[in-house]
Amino acid sequence: QVQLVESGGGLMQAGGSLRLSCSASRSILNFNYMGWYRQAPGKQREMVATITNSGSTAYADSVKGRFAISRDNAKNTVTLQMNSLKPDDTAVYYCNAHFAYGNYWGQGTQVTVSS
């Protein structure tokens, strides 16, 4: 079992930046990869960015070039730097820890981008 706690969400104008952090209750090296997902009202949850233990990253096409995921294994944290925010980025953002038998999720943090 692991607890994932997100922080850093809020209200931002289009073009601005936000930094989301995810703090895990135990070593994130226990998981195949960590990631950020988001869910907008009326839409399915979608992958935003993932990062493996070796540091390989993957991004949704909609955020490539604007968002950056990183990890600090010593602090058991995963960060999502979001730049050039757009109103379409408005969603609840969830931290995810993936392992062979399933996933753990955080409680989510709201990001709202105004035009």
N, C-alpha and C. Protein backbone atom coordinates (compact mmCIF):
# COMPACT_ATOMS: atom_id res chain seq x y z
N GLN A 1 0.84 -1.18 0.00
CA GLN A 1 0.00 0.00 0.00
C GLN A 1 0.89 1.25 0.00
N VAL A 2 0.42 2.29 -0.68
CA VAL A 2 1.15 3.55 -0.70
C VAL A 2 0.14 4.67 -0.75
N GLN A 3 0.43 5.75 -0.08
CA GLN A 3 -0.39 6.96 -0.18
C GLN A 3 0.31 7.96 -1.08
N LEU A 4 -0.47 8.52 -1.98
CA LEU A 4 0.03 9.55 -2.90
C LEU A 4 -0.72 10.84 -2.61
N VAL A 5 0.00 11.90 -2.37
CA VAL A 5 -0.62 13.18 -2.03
C VAL A 5 -0.16 14.24 -3.02
N GLU A 6 -1.12 14.79 -3.76
CA GLU A 6 -0.82 15.83 -4.74
C GLU A 6 -0.95 17.21 -4.12
N SER A 7 -0.21 18.14 -4.66
CA SER A 7 -0.32 19.53 -4.24
C SER A 7 0.08 20.41 -5.42
N GLY A 8 -0.29 21.68 -5.34
CA GLY A 8 0.16 22.65 -6.34
C GLY A 8 -0.88 23.09 -7.34
N GLY A 9 -2.07 22.53 -7.28
CA GLY A 9 -3.10 22.95 -8.21
C GLY A 9 -3.62 24.34 -7.86
N GLY A 10 -4.51 24.84 -8.71
CA GLY A 10 -5.09 26.15 -8.46
C GLY A 10 -5.64 26.78 -9.71
N LEU A 11 -5.87 28.08 -9.63
CA LEU A 11 -6.43 28.86 -10.74
C LEU A 11 -5.31 29.66 -11.39
N MET A 12 -5.26 29.59 -12.73
CA MET A 12 -4.22 30.31 -13.45
C MET A 12 -4.80 30.83 -14.75
N GLN A 13 -4.29 31.94 -15.20
CA GLN A 13 -4.70 32.48 -16.49
C GLN A 13 -3.99 31.73 -17.61
N ALA A 14 -4.60 31.72 -18.76
CA ALA A 14 -3.99 31.09 -19.93
C ALA A 14 -2.62 31.72 -20.20
N GLY A 15 -1.66 30.85 -20.52
CA GLY A 15 -0.30 31.29 -20.74
C GLY A 15 0.59 31.21 -19.51
N GLY A 16 -0.01 31.01 -18.37
CA GLY A 16 0.74 30.93 -17.13
C GLY A 16 1.30 29.55 -16.87
N SER A 17 1.89 29.39 -15.69
CA SER A 17 2.53 28.14 -15.31
C SER A 17 2.07 27.69 -13.93
N LEU A 18 2.06 26.38 -13.76
CA LEU A 18 1.80 25.77 -12.45
C LEU A 18 2.73 24.59 -12.31
N ARG A 19 3.03 24.26 -11.05
CA ARG A 19 3.89 23.12 -10.76
C ARG A 19 3.16 22.21 -9.79
N LEU A 20 2.90 20.99 -10.21
CA LEU A 20 2.24 20.00 -9.37
C LEU A 20 3.28 19.08 -8.76
N SER A 21 3.06 18.71 -7.51
CA SER A 21 3.94 17.77 -6.84
C SER A 21 3.14 16.60 -6.29
N CYS A 22 3.76 15.44 -6.30
CA CYS A 22 3.16 14.23 -5.75
C CYS A 22 4.15 13.63 -4.76
N SER A 23 3.71 13.47 -3.53
CA SER A 23 4.56 12.91 -2.50
C SER A 23 4.05 11.51 -2.16
N ALA A 24 4.95 10.53 -2.22
CA ALA A 24 4.59 9.14 -1.94
C ALA A 24 5.03 8.75 -0.53
N SER A 25 4.25 7.86 0.09
CA SER A 25 4.54 7.46 1.47
C SER A 25 5.66 6.43 1.56
N ARG A 26 6.07 5.86 0.43
CA ARG A 26 7.22 4.97 0.43
C ARG A 26 7.95 5.08 -0.90
N SER A 27 9.03 4.36 -1.03
CA SER A 27 9.92 4.52 -2.17
C SER A 27 9.20 4.33 -3.50
N ILE A 28 9.36 5.32 -4.36
CA ILE A 28 8.75 5.22 -5.68
C ILE A 28 9.53 4.28 -6.59
N LEU A 29 10.68 3.84 -6.17
CA LEU A 29 11.44 2.86 -6.93
C LEU A 29 10.77 1.49 -6.90
N ASN A 30 9.77 1.33 -6.02
CA ASN A 30 9.02 0.08 -5.97
C ASN A 30 8.08 -0.10 -7.16
N PHE A 31 7.88 0.96 -7.92
CA PHE A 31 6.88 0.94 -8.99
C PHE A 31 7.55 0.97 -10.36
N ASN A 32 6.87 0.39 -11.35
CA ASN A 32 7.41 0.37 -12.70
C ASN A 32 7.56 1.78 -13.24
N TYR A 33 6.51 2.57 -13.02
CA TYR A 33 6.61 3.96 -13.41
C TYR A 33 5.62 4.79 -12.61
N MET A 34 5.88 6.08 -12.60
CA MET A 34 4.99 7.05 -11.98
C MET A 34 4.40 7.93 -13.08
N GLY A 35 3.24 8.50 -12.80
CA GLY A 35 2.63 9.32 -13.85
C GLY A 35 1.64 10.32 -13.33
N TRP A 36 1.25 11.18 -14.22
CA TRP A 36 0.18 12.15 -13.98
C TRP A 36 -0.92 11.91 -15.01
N TYR A 37 -2.15 11.89 -14.52
CA TYR A 37 -3.33 11.74 -15.35
C TYR A 37 -4.26 12.90 -15.03
N ARG A 38 -5.22 13.12 -15.90
CA ARG A 38 -6.19 14.18 -15.63
C ARG A 38 -7.57 13.78 -16.13
N GLN A 39 -8.57 14.37 -15.50
CA GLN A 39 -9.95 14.11 -15.90
C GLN A 39 -10.72 15.42 -15.88
N ALA A 40 -11.20 15.80 -17.05
CA ALA A 40 -12.02 16.99 -17.17
C ALA A 40 -13.49 16.60 -17.02
N PRO A 41 -14.35 17.56 -16.66
CA PRO A 41 -15.78 17.23 -16.49
C PRO A 41 -16.38 16.60 -17.75
N GLY A 42 -17.05 15.48 -17.57
CA GLY A 42 -17.70 14.82 -18.68
C GLY A 42 -16.78 14.03 -19.59
N LYS A 43 -15.51 13.94 -19.23
CA LYS A 43 -14.55 13.22 -20.05
C LYS A 43 -13.90 12.09 -19.27
N GLN A 44 -13.29 11.17 -20.01
CA GLN A 44 -12.58 10.07 -19.37
C GLN A 44 -11.22 10.54 -18.86
N ARG A 45 -10.72 9.82 -17.88
CA ARG A 45 -9.38 10.11 -17.37
C ARG A 45 -8.36 9.78 -18.47
N GLU A 46 -7.38 10.65 -18.64
CA GLU A 46 -6.38 10.45 -19.67
C GLU A 46 -4.98 10.63 -19.11
N MET A 47 -4.04 9.94 -19.75
CA MET A 47 -2.64 10.06 -19.37
C MET A 47 -2.12 11.42 -19.80
N VAL A 48 -1.36 12.07 -18.92
CA VAL A 48 -0.72 13.32 -19.24
C VAL A 48 0.77 13.10 -19.47
N ALA A 49 1.41 12.44 -18.50
CA ALA A 49 2.85 12.20 -18.59
C ALA A 49 3.22 11.05 -17.67
N THR A 50 4.22 10.27 -18.07
CA THR A 50 4.74 9.19 -17.23
C THR A 50 6.26 9.24 -17.23
N ILE A 51 6.84 8.65 -16.17
CA ILE A 51 8.29 8.58 -16.07
C ILE A 51 8.67 7.25 -15.42
N THR A 52 9.61 6.55 -16.05
CA THR A 52 10.03 5.25 -15.53
C THR A 52 11.14 5.43 -14.49
N ASN A 53 11.53 4.31 -13.89
CA ASN A 53 12.61 4.36 -12.91
C ASN A 53 13.93 4.80 -13.54
N SER A 54 14.09 4.53 -14.82
CA SER A 54 15.31 4.92 -15.52
C SER A 54 15.26 6.35 -16.04
N GLY A 55 14.09 6.99 -15.86
CA GLY A 55 13.96 8.38 -16.28
C GLY A 55 13.36 8.59 -17.65
N SER A 56 12.96 7.52 -18.31
CA SER A 56 12.31 7.66 -19.61
C SER A 56 10.93 8.28 -19.42
N THR A 57 10.61 9.20 -20.29
CA THR A 57 9.34 9.92 -20.16
C THR A 57 8.45 9.72 -21.38
N ALA A 58 7.16 9.90 -21.18
CA ALA A 58 6.18 9.87 -22.25
C ALA A 58 5.14 10.93 -21.96
N TYR A 59 4.64 11.56 -23.02
CA TYR A 59 3.68 12.66 -22.87
C TYR A 59 2.51 12.49 -23.83
N ALA A 60 1.37 12.98 -23.40
CA ALA A 60 0.24 13.09 -24.31
C ALA A 60 0.59 14.14 -25.37
N ASP A 61 0.11 13.93 -26.57
CA ASP A 61 0.42 14.87 -27.65
C ASP A 61 -0.01 16.29 -27.30
N SER A 62 -1.09 16.40 -26.57
CA SER A 62 -1.66 17.71 -26.26
C SER A 62 -0.78 18.55 -25.32
N VAL A 63 0.18 17.90 -24.64
CA VAL A 63 1.00 18.64 -23.68
C VAL A 63 2.48 18.65 -24.05
N LYS A 64 2.85 17.94 -25.10
CA LYS A 64 4.27 17.89 -25.50
C LYS A 64 4.80 19.29 -25.76
N GLY A 65 5.98 19.53 -25.22
CA GLY A 65 6.60 20.84 -25.39
C GLY A 65 6.15 21.87 -24.38
N ARG A 66 5.11 21.56 -23.61
CA ARG A 66 4.62 22.52 -22.60
C ARG A 66 4.78 21.99 -21.17
N PHE A 67 4.62 20.68 -21.00
CA PHE A 67 4.70 20.06 -19.68
C PHE A 67 5.98 19.25 -19.56
N ALA A 68 6.48 19.12 -18.34
CA ALA A 68 7.66 18.30 -18.09
C ALA A 68 7.48 17.56 -16.78
N ILE A 69 7.69 16.24 -16.82
CA ILE A 69 7.60 15.41 -15.62
C ILE A 69 9.01 15.09 -15.15
N SER A 70 9.17 15.05 -13.83
CA SER A 70 10.46 14.70 -13.26
C SER A 70 10.23 13.95 -11.95
N ARG A 71 11.29 13.34 -11.44
CA ARG A 71 11.16 12.58 -10.21
C ARG A 71 12.39 12.78 -9.35
N ASP A 72 12.18 12.69 -8.05
CA ASP A 72 13.28 12.72 -7.09
C ASP A 72 13.15 11.47 -6.24
N ASN A 73 13.95 10.46 -6.55
CA ASN A 73 13.83 9.18 -5.87
C ASN A 73 14.19 9.28 -4.39
N ALA A 74 15.09 10.17 -4.06
CA ALA A 74 15.50 10.32 -2.66
C ALA A 74 14.38 10.90 -1.81
N LYS A 75 13.56 11.76 -2.42
CA LYS A 75 12.46 12.40 -1.68
C LYS A 75 11.11 11.73 -1.95
N ASN A 76 11.11 10.72 -2.84
CA ASN A 76 9.87 10.03 -3.19
C ASN A 76 8.81 10.99 -3.72
N THR A 77 9.24 11.86 -4.60
CA THR A 77 8.32 12.83 -5.17
C THR A 77 8.38 12.80 -6.70
N VAL A 78 7.27 13.15 -7.29
CA VAL A 78 7.16 13.29 -8.74
C VAL A 78 6.53 14.66 -9.01
N THR A 79 7.09 15.38 -9.95
CA THR A 79 6.67 16.74 -10.22
C THR A 79 6.22 16.89 -11.67
N LEU A 80 5.22 17.70 -11.87
CA LEU A 80 4.76 18.03 -13.22
C LEU A 80 4.82 19.55 -13.37
N GLN A 81 5.74 20.01 -14.18
CA GLN A 81 5.84 21.43 -14.49
C GLN A 81 4.98 21.72 -15.71
N MET A 82 4.02 22.61 -15.55
CA MET A 82 3.09 22.91 -16.62
C MET A 82 3.26 24.36 -17.05
N ASN A 83 3.66 24.56 -18.29
CA ASN A 83 3.87 25.90 -18.84
C ASN A 83 2.89 26.15 -19.98
N SER A 84 2.76 27.41 -20.34
CA SER A 84 1.88 27.80 -21.45
C SER A 84 0.51 27.16 -21.31
N LEU A 85 -0.06 27.27 -20.15
CA LEU A 85 -1.34 26.62 -19.86
C LEU A 85 -2.45 27.15 -20.76
N LYS A 86 -3.36 26.24 -21.08
CA LYS A 86 -4.51 26.56 -21.93
C LYS A 86 -5.79 26.22 -21.17
N PRO A 87 -6.90 26.85 -21.53
CA PRO A 87 -8.17 26.50 -20.88
C PRO A 87 -8.48 25.00 -20.99
N ASP A 88 -8.07 24.35 -22.07
CA ASP A 88 -8.30 22.91 -22.24
C ASP A 88 -7.52 22.07 -21.24
N ASP A 89 -6.57 22.66 -20.52
CA ASP A 89 -5.84 21.93 -19.49
C ASP A 89 -6.62 21.85 -18.18
N THR A 90 -7.74 22.52 -18.11
CA THR A 90 -8.57 22.50 -16.91
C THR A 90 -9.06 21.08 -16.63
N ALA A 91 -8.76 20.59 -15.43
CA ALA A 91 -9.10 19.21 -15.07
C ALA A 91 -8.66 18.96 -13.63
N VAL A 92 -9.08 17.82 -13.12
CA VAL A 92 -8.50 17.31 -11.87
C VAL A 92 -7.30 16.45 -12.27
N TYR A 93 -6.17 16.72 -11.68
CA TYR A 93 -4.93 16.02 -12.00
C TYR A 93 -4.63 15.01 -10.89
N TYR A 94 -4.33 13.78 -11.33
CA TYR A 94 -4.10 12.68 -10.39
C TYR A 94 -2.68 12.13 -10.55
N CYS A 95 -2.06 11.88 -9.43
CA CYS A 95 -0.78 11.19 -9.42
C CYS A 95 -1.04 9.68 -9.46
N ASN A 96 -0.20 8.97 -10.15
CA ASN A 96 -0.37 7.53 -10.33
C ASN A 96 0.94 6.80 -10.10
N ALA A 97 0.82 5.66 -9.43
CA ALA A 97 1.97 4.76 -9.25
C ALA A 97 1.58 3.41 -9.83
N HIS A 98 2.31 2.97 -10.84
CA HIS A 98 1.96 1.75 -11.55
C HIS A 98 2.93 0.63 -11.21
N PHE A 99 2.37 -0.55 -10.89
CA PHE A 99 3.20 -1.72 -10.68
C PHE A 99 2.55 -2.90 -11.39
N ALA A 100 3.18 -4.04 -11.30
CA ALA A 100 2.78 -5.19 -12.12
C ALA A 100 1.33 -5.62 -11.88
N TYR A 101 0.83 -5.38 -10.67
CA TYR A 101 -0.50 -5.89 -10.32
C TYR A 101 -1.57 -4.81 -10.27
N GLY A 102 -1.24 -3.59 -10.60
CA GLY A 102 -2.26 -2.56 -10.59
C GLY A 102 -1.70 -1.17 -10.43
N ASN A 103 -2.54 -0.30 -9.90
CA ASN A 103 -2.19 1.11 -9.77
C ASN A 103 -2.63 1.66 -8.42
N TYR A 104 -1.90 2.66 -7.96
CA TYR A 104 -2.35 3.48 -6.85
C TYR A 104 -2.61 4.89 -7.38
N TRP A 105 -3.59 5.54 -6.78
CA TRP A 105 -3.96 6.89 -7.21
C TRP A 105 -3.99 7.84 -6.02
N GLY A 106 -3.63 9.08 -6.29
CA GLY A 106 -3.83 10.12 -5.30
C GLY A 106 -5.27 10.61 -5.34
N GLN A 107 -5.57 11.58 -4.48
CA GLN A 107 -6.94 12.08 -4.37
C GLN A 107 -7.25 13.12 -5.43
N GLY A 108 -6.22 13.63 -6.09
CA GLY A 108 -6.42 14.59 -7.17
C GLY A 108 -6.29 16.03 -6.70
N THR A 109 -5.88 16.88 -7.62
CA THR A 109 -5.79 18.31 -7.36
C THR A 109 -6.36 19.06 -8.55
N GLN A 110 -7.18 20.06 -8.27
CA GLN A 110 -7.87 20.79 -9.33
C GLN A 110 -6.96 21.83 -9.97
N VAL A 111 -6.94 21.83 -11.28
CA VAL A 111 -6.25 22.86 -12.06
C VAL A 111 -7.30 23.53 -12.94
N THR A 112 -7.42 24.83 -12.80
CA THR A 112 -8.38 25.60 -13.60
C THR A 112 -7.63 26.70 -14.33
N VAL A 113 -7.79 26.72 -15.65
CA VAL A 113 -7.11 27.71 -16.48
C VAL A 113 -8.17 28.61 -17.12
N SER A 114 -8.11 29.88 -16.83
CA SER A 114 -9.08 30.82 -17.36
C SER A 114 -8.54 31.48 -18.63
N SER A 115 -9.46 31.82 -19.52
CA SER A 115 -9.05 32.43 -20.80
C SER A 115 -8.96 33.94 -20.69
